[in-house]
Amino acid sequence: MWALFRRDVVLAFRRRGDVVQPLVFFVLVVTLVPLAVGADVALLKSIGPGIIWVGALLASLLAQESLFRSDFEDGSLEQLLLSPYPLPLLVLAKIAAHWMVTSVPLIVVAPLLAVLLRLPSEGMSALVLTLVLGTPVLSLIGAIGVALTVGLQKGGVMLSLLILPLYVPVLIVATLAVDAALAGLPVSAQLYFLGALLVGALTLAPIAGAAALRISVG
């Protein structure tokens, strides 16, 4: 797992477009919305958490298709399927590497964009916590859809149709958590829910992703 994780991280930084493209898309989405809705501070405060989370969700979706695509094209994915090691653990290693290079930069940049949207400091910690808990769930769920569509020539549209409905609960709970923090209310319930989603996705997504890969490649 560690060797596969290191390999994917190194390859991602050699193909810097895989790292930069989701980050640039995220920044563009978040910065263009205030230009469209105006500079009203109260409005930006109310819609800021939703803007940031929608941007993170779309950037994650944009980056998902590259998770298994290069391995499928060069034949190394078939070698993983033939490996004596448990395939779900190898899938989990690839998801972890993909999250590290695509979602961690979004989490780092998000507080700066939150300042641009005039998000008060009371909601900043809740925003970062929801991103830390929620973006791995997006990567894990997305991996299942990518594994199912990796063998298709134009699987991007099918991938969006498959996984976008599954992203909606994460989006709703995360934005509710930030809104509750801004209102001075406890956010433990929302964070526990996101944590439960993360544990469930960590448990089931690698198994489902491995089965989907066997179906798609086999």
N, C-alpha and C. Protein backbone atom coordinates (compact mmCIF):
# COMPACT_ATOMS: atom_id res chain seq x y z
N MET A 1 0.82 -1.20 0.00
CA MET A 1 0.00 0.00 0.00
C MET A 1 0.87 1.26 0.00
N TRP A 2 1.91 1.27 0.85
CA TRP A 2 2.77 2.44 0.94
C TRP A 2 3.50 2.69 -0.38
N ALA A 3 3.97 1.60 -1.00
CA ALA A 3 4.68 1.75 -2.28
C ALA A 3 3.75 2.30 -3.36
N LEU A 4 2.51 1.81 -3.39
CA LEU A 4 1.55 2.30 -4.38
C LEU A 4 1.16 3.75 -4.09
N PHE A 5 1.01 4.08 -2.82
CA PHE A 5 0.70 5.46 -2.43
C PHE A 5 1.80 6.41 -2.88
N ARG A 6 3.05 6.04 -2.60
CA ARG A 6 4.18 6.89 -2.99
C ARG A 6 4.26 7.02 -4.51
N ARG A 7 4.04 5.92 -5.20
CA ARG A 7 4.10 5.96 -6.68
C ARG A 7 3.07 6.93 -7.23
N ASP A 8 1.85 6.85 -6.75
CA ASP A 8 0.80 7.72 -7.29
C ASP A 8 1.05 9.19 -6.96
N VAL A 9 1.57 9.46 -5.77
CA VAL A 9 1.87 10.85 -5.40
C VAL A 9 2.98 11.41 -6.29
N VAL A 10 4.03 10.62 -6.50
CA VAL A 10 5.14 11.07 -7.35
C VAL A 10 4.67 11.30 -8.78
N LEU A 11 3.87 10.37 -9.32
CA LEU A 11 3.37 10.53 -10.68
C LEU A 11 2.46 11.75 -10.80
N ALA A 12 1.67 12.01 -9.77
CA ALA A 12 0.77 13.17 -9.81
C ALA A 12 1.55 14.47 -9.86
N PHE A 13 2.63 14.56 -9.11
CA PHE A 13 3.41 15.79 -9.12
C PHE A 13 4.25 15.91 -10.39
N ARG A 14 4.52 14.80 -11.04
CA ARG A 14 5.16 14.91 -12.36
C ARG A 14 4.17 15.40 -13.41
N ARG A 15 2.93 14.98 -13.28
CA ARG A 15 1.87 15.51 -14.16
C ARG A 15 1.17 16.62 -13.39
N ARG A 16 1.77 17.77 -13.34
CA ARG A 16 1.30 18.84 -12.46
C ARG A 16 -0.09 19.34 -12.80
N GLY A 17 -0.52 19.08 -14.02
CA GLY A 17 -1.87 19.47 -14.38
C GLY A 17 -2.92 18.77 -13.54
N ASP A 18 -2.64 17.52 -13.12
CA ASP A 18 -3.58 16.79 -12.28
C ASP A 18 -3.75 17.45 -10.91
N VAL A 19 -2.73 18.17 -10.46
CA VAL A 19 -2.79 18.84 -9.17
C VAL A 19 -3.35 20.25 -9.32
N VAL A 20 -2.90 20.96 -10.35
CA VAL A 20 -3.22 22.37 -10.50
C VAL A 20 -4.65 22.57 -11.02
N GLN A 21 -5.10 21.71 -11.93
CA GLN A 21 -6.39 21.93 -12.57
C GLN A 21 -7.56 21.98 -11.57
N PRO A 22 -7.72 21.02 -10.64
CA PRO A 22 -8.82 21.13 -9.69
C PRO A 22 -8.71 22.36 -8.80
N LEU A 23 -7.47 22.71 -8.41
CA LEU A 23 -7.28 23.87 -7.54
C LEU A 23 -7.66 25.16 -8.26
N VAL A 24 -7.23 25.32 -9.50
CA VAL A 24 -7.59 26.51 -10.28
C VAL A 24 -9.09 26.58 -10.50
N PHE A 25 -9.71 25.44 -10.80
CA PHE A 25 -11.16 25.41 -11.00
C PHE A 25 -11.88 25.83 -9.73
N PHE A 26 -11.42 25.32 -8.58
CA PHE A 26 -12.02 25.66 -7.29
C PHE A 26 -11.93 27.17 -7.03
N VAL A 27 -10.75 27.74 -7.25
CA VAL A 27 -10.56 29.17 -7.02
C VAL A 27 -11.44 29.99 -7.96
N LEU A 28 -11.52 29.59 -9.21
CA LEU A 28 -12.34 30.33 -10.18
C LEU A 28 -13.81 30.30 -9.81
N VAL A 29 -14.32 29.14 -9.43
CA VAL A 29 -15.73 29.03 -9.06
C VAL A 29 -16.05 29.94 -7.87
N VAL A 30 -15.20 29.90 -6.85
CA VAL A 30 -15.48 30.67 -5.64
C VAL A 30 -15.33 32.16 -5.88
N THR A 31 -14.37 32.57 -6.71
CA THR A 31 -14.15 34.00 -6.93
C THR A 31 -15.11 34.61 -7.94
N LEU A 32 -15.65 33.81 -8.85
CA LEU A 32 -16.56 34.37 -9.85
C LEU A 32 -17.96 34.61 -9.29
N VAL A 33 -18.36 33.83 -8.30
CA VAL A 33 -19.72 33.99 -7.76
C VAL A 33 -19.92 35.39 -7.17
N PRO A 34 -18.99 35.92 -6.35
CA PRO A 34 -19.21 37.29 -5.85
C PRO A 34 -19.32 38.33 -6.95
N LEU A 35 -18.63 38.12 -8.06
CA LEU A 35 -18.77 39.05 -9.18
C LEU A 35 -20.17 39.03 -9.76
N ALA A 36 -20.83 37.87 -9.67
CA ALA A 36 -22.17 37.73 -10.23
C ALA A 36 -23.24 38.25 -9.29
N VAL A 37 -23.10 37.98 -7.99
CA VAL A 37 -24.15 38.33 -7.02
C VAL A 37 -23.95 39.69 -6.39
N GLY A 38 -22.77 40.30 -6.57
CA GLY A 38 -22.52 41.60 -5.97
C GLY A 38 -21.68 41.49 -4.72
N ALA A 39 -21.34 42.65 -4.17
CA ALA A 39 -20.44 42.73 -3.02
C ALA A 39 -21.17 42.95 -1.70
N ASP A 40 -22.45 42.62 -1.66
CA ASP A 40 -23.21 42.79 -0.43
C ASP A 40 -22.66 41.85 0.65
N VAL A 41 -22.19 42.41 1.76
CA VAL A 41 -21.50 41.63 2.79
C VAL A 41 -22.45 40.60 3.42
N ALA A 42 -23.67 41.00 3.73
CA ALA A 42 -24.61 40.09 4.36
C ALA A 42 -24.93 38.91 3.45
N LEU A 43 -25.09 39.20 2.17
CA LEU A 43 -25.38 38.11 1.22
C LEU A 43 -24.20 37.16 1.10
N LEU A 44 -22.99 37.70 1.02
CA LEU A 44 -21.81 36.85 0.90
C LEU A 44 -21.63 35.98 2.14
N LYS A 45 -21.91 36.54 3.31
CA LYS A 45 -21.82 35.75 4.54
C LYS A 45 -22.79 34.58 4.53
N SER A 46 -24.00 34.82 4.02
CA SER A 46 -25.03 33.78 4.05
C SER A 46 -24.77 32.68 3.03
N ILE A 47 -24.24 33.04 1.86
CA ILE A 47 -24.04 32.03 0.82
C ILE A 47 -22.60 31.56 0.72
N GLY A 48 -21.69 32.17 1.48
CA GLY A 48 -20.28 31.82 1.41
C GLY A 48 -19.97 30.35 1.63
N PRO A 49 -20.47 29.75 2.73
CA PRO A 49 -20.18 28.32 2.95
C PRO A 49 -20.68 27.43 1.82
N GLY A 50 -21.86 27.74 1.29
CA GLY A 50 -22.38 26.95 0.19
C GLY A 50 -21.55 27.10 -1.07
N ILE A 51 -21.06 28.32 -1.33
CA ILE A 51 -20.23 28.54 -2.51
C ILE A 51 -18.95 27.73 -2.41
N ILE A 52 -18.30 27.79 -1.25
CA ILE A 52 -17.03 27.08 -1.08
C ILE A 52 -17.25 25.57 -1.21
N TRP A 53 -18.32 25.07 -0.63
CA TRP A 53 -18.54 23.63 -0.68
C TRP A 53 -18.97 23.17 -2.07
N VAL A 54 -19.74 23.96 -2.77
CA VAL A 54 -20.09 23.60 -4.15
C VAL A 54 -18.84 23.60 -5.02
N GLY A 55 -17.97 24.60 -4.82
CA GLY A 55 -16.72 24.63 -5.56
C GLY A 55 -15.85 23.42 -5.27
N ALA A 56 -15.75 23.04 -3.98
CA ALA A 56 -14.95 21.87 -3.62
C ALA A 56 -15.55 20.60 -4.21
N LEU A 57 -16.87 20.49 -4.20
CA LEU A 57 -17.53 19.30 -4.74
C LEU A 57 -17.28 19.18 -6.25
N LEU A 58 -17.44 20.29 -6.97
CA LEU A 58 -17.24 20.25 -8.42
C LEU A 58 -15.77 20.01 -8.77
N ALA A 59 -14.86 20.60 -8.00
CA ALA A 59 -13.43 20.36 -8.24
C ALA A 59 -13.07 18.90 -7.98
N SER A 60 -13.67 18.33 -6.93
CA SER A 60 -13.43 16.91 -6.65
C SER A 60 -13.96 16.04 -7.77
N LEU A 61 -15.14 16.38 -8.29
CA LEU A 61 -15.71 15.63 -9.40
C LEU A 61 -14.84 15.74 -10.66
N LEU A 62 -14.30 16.94 -10.88
CA LEU A 62 -13.42 17.15 -12.03
C LEU A 62 -12.17 16.28 -11.96
N ALA A 63 -11.65 16.11 -10.74
CA ALA A 63 -10.40 15.37 -10.57
C ALA A 63 -10.61 13.86 -10.50
N GLN A 64 -11.84 13.42 -10.29
CA GLN A 64 -12.07 12.00 -10.04
C GLN A 64 -11.70 11.11 -11.23
N GLU A 65 -11.96 11.59 -12.44
CA GLU A 65 -11.82 10.71 -13.60
C GLU A 65 -10.38 10.25 -13.80
N SER A 66 -9.41 11.01 -13.28
CA SER A 66 -8.01 10.64 -13.45
C SER A 66 -7.55 9.58 -12.45
N LEU A 67 -8.43 9.14 -11.55
CA LEU A 67 -8.02 8.23 -10.49
C LEU A 67 -7.48 6.91 -11.03
N PHE A 68 -8.20 6.27 -11.95
CA PHE A 68 -7.77 4.99 -12.52
C PHE A 68 -7.46 5.08 -14.01
N ARG A 69 -7.70 6.24 -14.63
CA ARG A 69 -7.63 6.33 -16.08
C ARG A 69 -6.24 6.02 -16.62
N SER A 70 -5.20 6.65 -16.06
CA SER A 70 -3.84 6.43 -16.59
C SER A 70 -3.40 4.98 -16.38
N ASP A 71 -3.77 4.39 -15.24
CA ASP A 71 -3.42 2.99 -14.99
C ASP A 71 -4.14 2.06 -15.97
N PHE A 72 -5.37 2.41 -16.32
CA PHE A 72 -6.10 1.60 -17.29
C PHE A 72 -5.48 1.70 -18.68
N GLU A 73 -5.04 2.89 -19.04
CA GLU A 73 -4.50 3.09 -20.38
C GLU A 73 -3.13 2.44 -20.57
N ASP A 74 -2.29 2.44 -19.51
CA ASP A 74 -0.96 1.84 -19.68
C ASP A 74 -0.88 0.38 -19.25
N GLY A 75 -2.00 -0.20 -18.83
CA GLY A 75 -2.03 -1.63 -18.49
C GLY A 75 -1.66 -1.96 -17.07
N SER A 76 -1.24 -0.98 -16.28
CA SER A 76 -0.84 -1.29 -14.90
C SER A 76 -2.03 -1.63 -14.02
N LEU A 77 -3.23 -1.21 -14.43
CA LEU A 77 -4.42 -1.57 -13.66
C LEU A 77 -4.66 -3.08 -13.71
N GLU A 78 -4.41 -3.68 -14.84
CA GLU A 78 -4.56 -5.13 -14.95
C GLU A 78 -3.54 -5.85 -14.05
N GLN A 79 -2.36 -5.27 -13.91
CA GLN A 79 -1.35 -5.85 -13.03
C GLN A 79 -1.80 -5.78 -11.57
N LEU A 80 -2.48 -4.70 -11.21
CA LEU A 80 -3.01 -4.60 -9.85
C LEU A 80 -4.08 -5.66 -9.60
N LEU A 81 -4.91 -5.91 -10.62
CA LEU A 81 -5.95 -6.93 -10.47
C LEU A 81 -5.35 -8.33 -10.33
N LEU A 82 -4.20 -8.55 -10.95
CA LEU A 82 -3.53 -9.85 -10.87
C LEU A 82 -2.60 -9.95 -9.66
N SER A 83 -2.43 -8.87 -8.94
CA SER A 83 -1.51 -8.87 -7.80
C SER A 83 -2.01 -9.81 -6.70
N PRO A 84 -1.09 -10.46 -5.96
CA PRO A 84 -1.51 -11.33 -4.86
C PRO A 84 -2.02 -10.56 -3.64
N TYR A 85 -1.83 -9.25 -3.64
CA TYR A 85 -2.26 -8.45 -2.49
C TYR A 85 -3.75 -8.15 -2.58
N PRO A 86 -4.42 -7.93 -1.44
CA PRO A 86 -5.87 -7.65 -1.47
C PRO A 86 -6.17 -6.39 -2.28
N LEU A 87 -7.00 -6.53 -3.27
CA LEU A 87 -7.32 -5.41 -4.15
C LEU A 87 -7.99 -4.25 -3.41
N PRO A 88 -8.90 -4.47 -2.45
CA PRO A 88 -9.48 -3.32 -1.75
C PRO A 88 -8.43 -2.45 -1.06
N LEU A 89 -7.37 -3.05 -0.52
CA LEU A 89 -6.33 -2.25 0.12
C LEU A 89 -5.55 -1.45 -0.90
N LEU A 90 -5.32 -2.01 -2.08
CA LEU A 90 -4.63 -1.27 -3.13
C LEU A 90 -5.50 -0.12 -3.64
N VAL A 91 -6.79 -0.36 -3.75
CA VAL A 91 -7.72 0.70 -4.14
C VAL A 91 -7.72 1.81 -3.10
N LEU A 92 -7.72 1.45 -1.83
CA LEU A 92 -7.69 2.44 -0.76
C LEU A 92 -6.41 3.28 -0.83
N ALA A 93 -5.27 2.65 -1.14
CA ALA A 93 -4.02 3.39 -1.26
C ALA A 93 -4.09 4.40 -2.40
N LYS A 94 -4.68 4.01 -3.52
CA LYS A 94 -4.80 4.93 -4.66
C LYS A 94 -5.75 6.08 -4.33
N ILE A 95 -6.83 5.78 -3.61
CA ILE A 95 -7.77 6.84 -3.23
C ILE A 95 -7.08 7.82 -2.28
N ALA A 96 -6.30 7.30 -1.33
CA ALA A 96 -5.60 8.17 -0.38
C ALA A 96 -4.61 9.08 -1.09
N ALA A 97 -3.87 8.53 -2.04
CA ALA A 97 -2.92 9.36 -2.79
C ALA A 97 -3.65 10.42 -3.62
N HIS A 98 -4.75 10.02 -4.23
CA HIS A 98 -5.52 10.96 -5.04
C HIS A 98 -6.09 12.08 -4.18
N TRP A 99 -6.59 11.74 -3.01
CA TRP A 99 -7.11 12.77 -2.09
C TRP A 99 -5.99 13.70 -1.64
N MET A 100 -4.82 13.14 -1.39
CA MET A 100 -3.70 13.94 -0.91
C MET A 100 -3.31 15.01 -1.92
N VAL A 101 -3.28 14.66 -3.19
CA VAL A 101 -2.78 15.61 -4.19
C VAL A 101 -3.87 16.51 -4.76
N THR A 102 -5.14 16.15 -4.61
CA THR A 102 -6.21 16.97 -5.19
C THR A 102 -7.04 17.72 -4.15
N SER A 103 -7.32 17.09 -3.01
CA SER A 103 -8.21 17.72 -2.03
C SER A 103 -7.48 18.50 -0.95
N VAL A 104 -6.30 18.06 -0.55
CA VAL A 104 -5.55 18.79 0.48
C VAL A 104 -5.25 20.23 0.05
N PRO A 105 -4.82 20.47 -1.21
CA PRO A 105 -4.65 21.87 -1.62
C PRO A 105 -5.93 22.69 -1.52
N LEU A 106 -7.08 22.08 -1.79
CA LEU A 106 -8.35 22.80 -1.65
C LEU A 106 -8.60 23.19 -0.20
N ILE A 107 -8.29 22.29 0.72
CA ILE A 107 -8.50 22.57 2.15
C ILE A 107 -7.58 23.69 2.60
N VAL A 108 -6.36 23.74 2.08
CA VAL A 108 -5.41 24.79 2.45
C VAL A 108 -5.86 26.15 1.93
N VAL A 109 -6.40 26.18 0.71
CA VAL A 109 -6.79 27.45 0.08
C VAL A 109 -8.14 27.93 0.57
N ALA A 110 -9.00 27.04 1.03
CA ALA A 110 -10.37 27.39 1.40
C ALA A 110 -10.47 28.53 2.42
N PRO A 111 -9.66 28.56 3.51
CA PRO A 111 -9.78 29.70 4.43
C PRO A 111 -9.49 31.05 3.78
N LEU A 112 -8.55 31.09 2.83
CA LEU A 112 -8.26 32.35 2.15
C LEU A 112 -9.46 32.80 1.31
N LEU A 113 -10.10 31.86 0.66
CA LEU A 113 -11.30 32.19 -0.12
C LEU A 113 -12.46 32.56 0.80
N ALA A 114 -12.51 31.96 1.99
CA ALA A 114 -13.55 32.31 2.95
C ALA A 114 -13.41 33.77 3.40
N VAL A 115 -12.17 34.24 3.55
CA VAL A 115 -11.94 35.65 3.88
C VAL A 115 -12.44 36.54 2.75
N LEU A 116 -12.21 36.12 1.51
CA LEU A 116 -12.70 36.87 0.35
C LEU A 116 -14.22 37.00 0.38
N LEU A 117 -14.89 35.94 0.84
CA LEU A 117 -16.35 35.94 0.91
C LEU A 117 -16.88 36.54 2.21
N ARG A 118 -16.00 37.15 2.99
CA ARG A 118 -16.36 37.82 4.25
C ARG A 118 -16.94 36.86 5.27
N LEU A 119 -16.47 35.60 5.26
CA LEU A 119 -16.95 34.65 6.24
C LEU A 119 -16.35 34.98 7.60
N PRO A 120 -17.16 35.17 8.64
CA PRO A 120 -16.63 35.51 9.96
C PRO A 120 -15.73 34.41 10.52
N SER A 121 -14.87 34.78 11.43
CA SER A 121 -13.92 33.83 12.02
C SER A 121 -14.63 32.72 12.78
N GLU A 122 -15.86 32.97 13.26
CA GLU A 122 -16.60 31.94 14.00
C GLU A 122 -16.87 30.71 13.14
N GLY A 123 -17.02 30.89 11.84
CA GLY A 123 -17.31 29.75 10.98
C GLY A 123 -16.11 29.15 10.29
N MET A 124 -14.93 29.74 10.52
CA MET A 124 -13.74 29.29 9.79
C MET A 124 -13.33 27.88 10.21
N SER A 125 -13.28 27.63 11.52
CA SER A 125 -12.87 26.31 12.00
C SER A 125 -13.86 25.24 11.57
N ALA A 126 -15.16 25.56 11.61
CA ALA A 126 -16.17 24.59 11.17
C ALA A 126 -16.02 24.28 9.69
N LEU A 127 -15.70 25.31 8.90
CA LEU A 127 -15.51 25.10 7.47
C LEU A 127 -14.35 24.14 7.20
N VAL A 128 -13.23 24.38 7.88
CA VAL A 128 -12.06 23.52 7.67
C VAL A 128 -12.34 22.10 8.14
N LEU A 129 -13.01 21.96 9.28
CA LEU A 129 -13.31 20.62 9.79
C LEU A 129 -14.24 19.86 8.85
N THR A 130 -15.24 20.55 8.31
CA THR A 130 -16.15 19.86 7.38
C THR A 130 -15.42 19.44 6.11
N LEU A 131 -14.48 20.28 5.65
CA LEU A 131 -13.71 19.90 4.46
C LEU A 131 -12.79 18.71 4.75
N VAL A 132 -12.18 18.70 5.93
CA VAL A 132 -11.29 17.59 6.30
C VAL A 132 -12.08 16.28 6.39
N LEU A 133 -13.30 16.33 6.92
CA LEU A 133 -14.11 15.13 7.05
C LEU A 133 -14.87 14.79 5.76
N GLY A 134 -15.26 15.81 5.01
CA GLY A 134 -16.14 15.57 3.87
C GLY A 134 -15.44 15.24 2.58
N THR A 135 -14.28 15.87 2.32
CA THR A 135 -13.61 15.61 1.03
C THR A 135 -13.13 14.16 0.90
N PRO A 136 -12.67 13.48 1.97
CA PRO A 136 -12.37 12.05 1.79
C PRO A 136 -13.59 11.23 1.41
N VAL A 137 -14.76 11.62 1.94
CA VAL A 137 -15.98 10.90 1.57
C VAL A 137 -16.26 11.08 0.08
N LEU A 138 -16.06 12.30 -0.43
CA LEU A 138 -16.25 12.54 -1.86
C LEU A 138 -15.31 11.68 -2.69
N SER A 139 -14.04 11.58 -2.25
CA SER A 139 -13.07 10.78 -3.00
C SER A 139 -13.43 9.30 -2.96
N LEU A 140 -13.85 8.81 -1.81
CA LEU A 140 -14.17 7.39 -1.66
C LEU A 140 -15.40 7.02 -2.48
N ILE A 141 -16.45 7.86 -2.40
CA ILE A 141 -17.65 7.58 -3.19
C ILE A 141 -17.36 7.71 -4.68
N GLY A 142 -16.60 8.74 -5.03
CA GLY A 142 -16.28 8.94 -6.43
C GLY A 142 -15.48 7.80 -7.03
N ALA A 143 -14.64 7.16 -6.20
CA ALA A 143 -13.81 6.06 -6.70
C ALA A 143 -14.67 4.91 -7.20
N ILE A 144 -15.81 4.70 -6.58
CA ILE A 144 -16.70 3.63 -7.03
C ILE A 144 -17.22 3.94 -8.43
N GLY A 145 -17.67 5.18 -8.64
CA GLY A 145 -18.16 5.57 -9.96
C GLY A 145 -17.07 5.52 -11.01
N VAL A 146 -15.87 5.96 -10.64
CA VAL A 146 -14.75 5.92 -11.60
C VAL A 146 -14.43 4.48 -11.97
N ALA A 147 -14.43 3.60 -10.98
CA ALA A 147 -14.14 2.19 -11.26
C ALA A 147 -15.18 1.58 -12.19
N LEU A 148 -16.42 1.99 -12.07
CA LEU A 148 -17.47 1.46 -12.93
C LEU A 148 -17.37 1.98 -14.36
N THR A 149 -16.84 3.19 -14.54
CA THR A 149 -16.84 3.82 -15.87
C THR A 149 -15.45 3.89 -16.49
N VAL A 150 -14.45 3.27 -15.86
CA VAL A 150 -13.08 3.43 -16.34
C VAL A 150 -12.89 2.83 -17.73
N GLY A 151 -13.66 1.84 -18.08
CA GLY A 151 -13.52 1.22 -19.39
C GLY A 151 -14.29 1.90 -20.49
N LEU A 152 -15.06 2.94 -20.18
CA LEU A 152 -15.86 3.64 -21.19
C LEU A 152 -15.05 4.75 -21.84
N GLN A 153 -15.30 4.99 -23.12
CA GLN A 153 -14.57 6.03 -23.84
C GLN A 153 -14.93 7.42 -23.35
N LYS A 154 -16.21 7.65 -23.12
CA LYS A 154 -16.67 8.95 -22.62
C LYS A 154 -17.47 8.72 -21.35
N GLY A 155 -16.74 8.43 -20.29
CA GLY A 155 -17.41 8.10 -19.03
C GLY A 155 -17.67 9.28 -18.13
N GLY A 156 -17.27 10.51 -18.55
CA GLY A 156 -17.41 11.67 -17.69
C GLY A 156 -18.86 11.99 -17.35
N VAL A 157 -19.72 11.97 -18.36
CA VAL A 157 -21.14 12.27 -18.12
C VAL A 157 -21.78 11.19 -17.26
N MET A 158 -21.50 9.93 -17.57
CA MET A 158 -22.02 8.83 -16.78
C MET A 158 -21.53 8.90 -15.34
N LEU A 159 -20.26 9.28 -15.16
CA LEU A 159 -19.71 9.40 -13.81
C LEU A 159 -20.46 10.46 -13.01
N SER A 160 -20.75 11.60 -13.64
CA SER A 160 -21.48 12.67 -12.95
C SER A 160 -22.87 12.20 -12.53
N LEU A 161 -23.56 11.51 -13.44
CA LEU A 161 -24.90 11.03 -13.12
C LEU A 161 -24.88 10.00 -11.99
N LEU A 162 -23.82 9.22 -11.91
CA LEU A 162 -23.74 8.18 -10.89
C LEU A 162 -23.47 8.73 -9.50
N ILE A 163 -22.53 9.67 -9.40
CA ILE A 163 -22.03 10.03 -8.06
C ILE A 163 -22.55 11.37 -7.53
N LEU A 164 -23.03 12.25 -8.41
CA LEU A 164 -23.52 13.54 -7.90
C LEU A 164 -24.65 13.38 -6.89
N PRO A 165 -25.65 12.52 -7.12
CA PRO A 165 -26.69 12.35 -6.09
C PRO A 165 -26.14 11.85 -4.76
N LEU A 166 -25.06 11.08 -4.79
CA LEU A 166 -24.48 10.57 -3.55
C LEU A 166 -23.66 11.63 -2.82
N TYR A 167 -23.29 12.69 -3.53
CA TYR A 167 -22.55 13.79 -2.91
C TYR A 167 -23.46 14.74 -2.14
N VAL A 168 -24.74 14.75 -2.47
CA VAL A 168 -25.66 15.75 -1.92
C VAL A 168 -25.73 15.71 -0.39
N PRO A 169 -25.83 14.54 0.28
CA PRO A 169 -25.87 14.57 1.75
C PRO A 169 -24.64 15.21 2.38
N VAL A 170 -23.47 14.97 1.82
CA VAL A 170 -22.25 15.59 2.35
C VAL A 170 -22.34 17.11 2.21
N LEU A 171 -22.77 17.58 1.06
CA LEU A 171 -22.91 19.01 0.82
C LEU A 171 -23.88 19.66 1.81
N ILE A 172 -25.03 19.03 2.00
CA ILE A 172 -26.06 19.60 2.88
C ILE A 172 -25.57 19.66 4.32
N VAL A 173 -25.04 18.55 4.82
CA VAL A 173 -24.62 18.50 6.23
C VAL A 173 -23.45 19.44 6.48
N ALA A 174 -22.51 19.53 5.54
CA ALA A 174 -21.36 20.40 5.74
C ALA A 174 -21.77 21.87 5.78
N THR A 175 -22.64 22.29 4.88
CA THR A 175 -23.07 23.69 4.89
C THR A 175 -23.93 23.99 6.12
N LEU A 176 -24.72 23.03 6.57
CA LEU A 176 -25.49 23.23 7.81
C LEU A 176 -24.57 23.40 9.00
N ALA A 177 -23.46 22.68 9.02
CA ALA A 177 -22.51 22.80 10.13
C ALA A 177 -21.91 24.20 10.17
N VAL A 178 -21.51 24.72 9.03
CA VAL A 178 -20.92 26.06 9.00
C VAL A 178 -21.97 27.11 9.37
N ASP A 179 -23.18 26.96 8.86
CA ASP A 179 -24.26 27.90 9.21
C ASP A 179 -24.54 27.87 10.71
N ALA A 180 -24.53 26.68 11.31
CA ALA A 180 -24.75 26.58 12.76
C ALA A 180 -23.63 27.26 13.53
N ALA A 181 -22.39 27.10 13.07
CA ALA A 181 -21.27 27.76 13.75
C ALA A 181 -21.39 29.27 13.66
N LEU A 182 -21.81 29.78 12.52
CA LEU A 182 -21.99 31.22 12.36
C LEU A 182 -23.10 31.76 13.26
N ALA A 183 -24.10 30.91 13.53
CA ALA A 183 -25.21 31.32 14.41
C ALA A 183 -24.89 31.10 15.88
N GLY A 184 -23.70 30.61 16.20
CA GLY A 184 -23.33 30.36 17.58
C GLY A 184 -23.90 29.09 18.16
N LEU A 185 -24.35 28.18 17.32
CA LEU A 185 -24.92 26.91 17.77
C LEU A 185 -23.86 25.81 17.72
N PRO A 186 -24.04 24.74 18.49
CA PRO A 186 -23.08 23.63 18.44
C PRO A 186 -23.14 22.92 17.10
N VAL A 187 -22.01 22.43 16.65
CA VAL A 187 -21.92 21.76 15.35
C VAL A 187 -21.52 20.30 15.51
N SER A 188 -21.54 19.81 16.73
CA SER A 188 -21.08 18.44 16.98
C SER A 188 -21.94 17.41 16.24
N ALA A 189 -23.24 17.64 16.15
CA ALA A 189 -24.12 16.67 15.49
C ALA A 189 -23.75 16.52 14.01
N GLN A 190 -23.53 17.66 13.34
CA GLN A 190 -23.17 17.60 11.92
C GLN A 190 -21.80 16.96 11.73
N LEU A 191 -20.85 17.29 12.61
CA LEU A 191 -19.51 16.71 12.48
C LEU A 191 -19.54 15.21 12.75
N TYR A 192 -20.33 14.77 13.71
CA TYR A 192 -20.47 13.34 13.97
C TYR A 192 -21.07 12.62 12.77
N PHE A 193 -22.03 13.28 12.13
CA PHE A 193 -22.66 12.68 10.95
C PHE A 193 -21.64 12.54 9.82
N LEU A 194 -20.85 13.59 9.59
CA LEU A 194 -19.82 13.50 8.57
C LEU A 194 -18.79 12.44 8.93
N GLY A 195 -18.46 12.34 10.23
CA GLY A 195 -17.53 11.29 10.65
C GLY A 195 -18.09 9.90 10.40
N ALA A 196 -19.40 9.73 10.65
CA ALA A 196 -20.03 8.44 10.39
C ALA A 196 -20.01 8.11 8.90
N LEU A 197 -20.27 9.12 8.06
CA LEU A 197 -20.19 8.90 6.62
C LEU A 197 -18.78 8.50 6.20
N LEU A 198 -17.78 9.14 6.82
CA LEU A 198 -16.39 8.82 6.48
C LEU A 198 -16.04 7.39 6.87
N VAL A 199 -16.45 6.97 8.07
CA VAL A 199 -16.17 5.61 8.51
C VAL A 199 -16.87 4.60 7.60
N GLY A 200 -18.12 4.87 7.27
CA GLY A 200 -18.84 3.97 6.37
C GLY A 200 -18.20 3.89 5.00
N ALA A 201 -17.78 5.05 4.48
CA ALA A 201 -17.15 5.06 3.16
C ALA A 201 -15.79 4.36 3.18
N LEU A 202 -15.02 4.57 4.26
CA LEU A 202 -13.73 3.88 4.38
C LEU A 202 -13.90 2.37 4.43
N THR A 203 -15.00 1.93 5.03
CA THR A 203 -15.23 0.50 5.18
C THR A 203 -15.72 -0.13 3.88
N LEU A 204 -16.64 0.53 3.20
CA LEU A 204 -17.34 -0.10 2.08
C LEU A 204 -16.80 0.30 0.71
N ALA A 205 -16.34 1.54 0.56
CA ALA A 205 -15.95 2.01 -0.77
C ALA A 205 -14.78 1.23 -1.38
N PRO A 206 -13.72 0.91 -0.63
CA PRO A 206 -12.64 0.11 -1.27
C PRO A 206 -13.12 -1.25 -1.76
N ILE A 207 -14.02 -1.89 -1.01
CA ILE A 207 -14.54 -3.19 -1.43
C ILE A 207 -15.39 -3.03 -2.69
N ALA A 208 -16.27 -2.03 -2.68
CA ALA A 208 -17.12 -1.79 -3.85
C ALA A 208 -16.29 -1.36 -5.05
N GLY A 209 -15.28 -0.52 -4.81
CA GLY A 209 -14.41 -0.09 -5.91
C GLY A 209 -13.63 -1.24 -6.52
N ALA A 210 -13.15 -2.16 -5.67
CA ALA A 210 -12.42 -3.32 -6.18
C ALA A 210 -13.34 -4.20 -7.03
N ALA A 211 -14.57 -4.42 -6.55
CA ALA A 211 -15.52 -5.22 -7.33
C ALA A 211 -15.86 -4.53 -8.65
N ALA A 212 -16.01 -3.22 -8.63
CA ALA A 212 -16.33 -2.48 -9.85
C ALA A 212 -15.18 -2.57 -10.85
N LEU A 213 -13.93 -2.51 -10.36
CA LEU A 213 -12.79 -2.64 -11.25
C LEU A 213 -12.75 -4.01 -11.92
N ARG A 214 -13.04 -5.03 -11.15
CA ARG A 214 -13.04 -6.39 -11.73
C ARG A 214 -14.11 -6.49 -12.82
N ILE A 215 -15.25 -5.84 -12.62
CA ILE A 215 -16.31 -5.88 -13.63
C ILE A 215 -15.90 -5.10 -14.87
N SER A 216 -15.33 -3.90 -14.67
CA SER A 216 -15.01 -3.03 -15.79
C SER A 216 -13.85 -3.57 -16.62
N VAL A 217 -12.79 -4.04 -15.93
CA VAL A 217 -11.60 -4.50 -16.63
C VAL A 217 -11.74 -5.92 -17.11
N GLY A 218 -12.44 -6.72 -16.29
CA GLY A 218 -12.59 -8.12 -16.66
C GLY A 218 -13.54 -8.32 -17.83
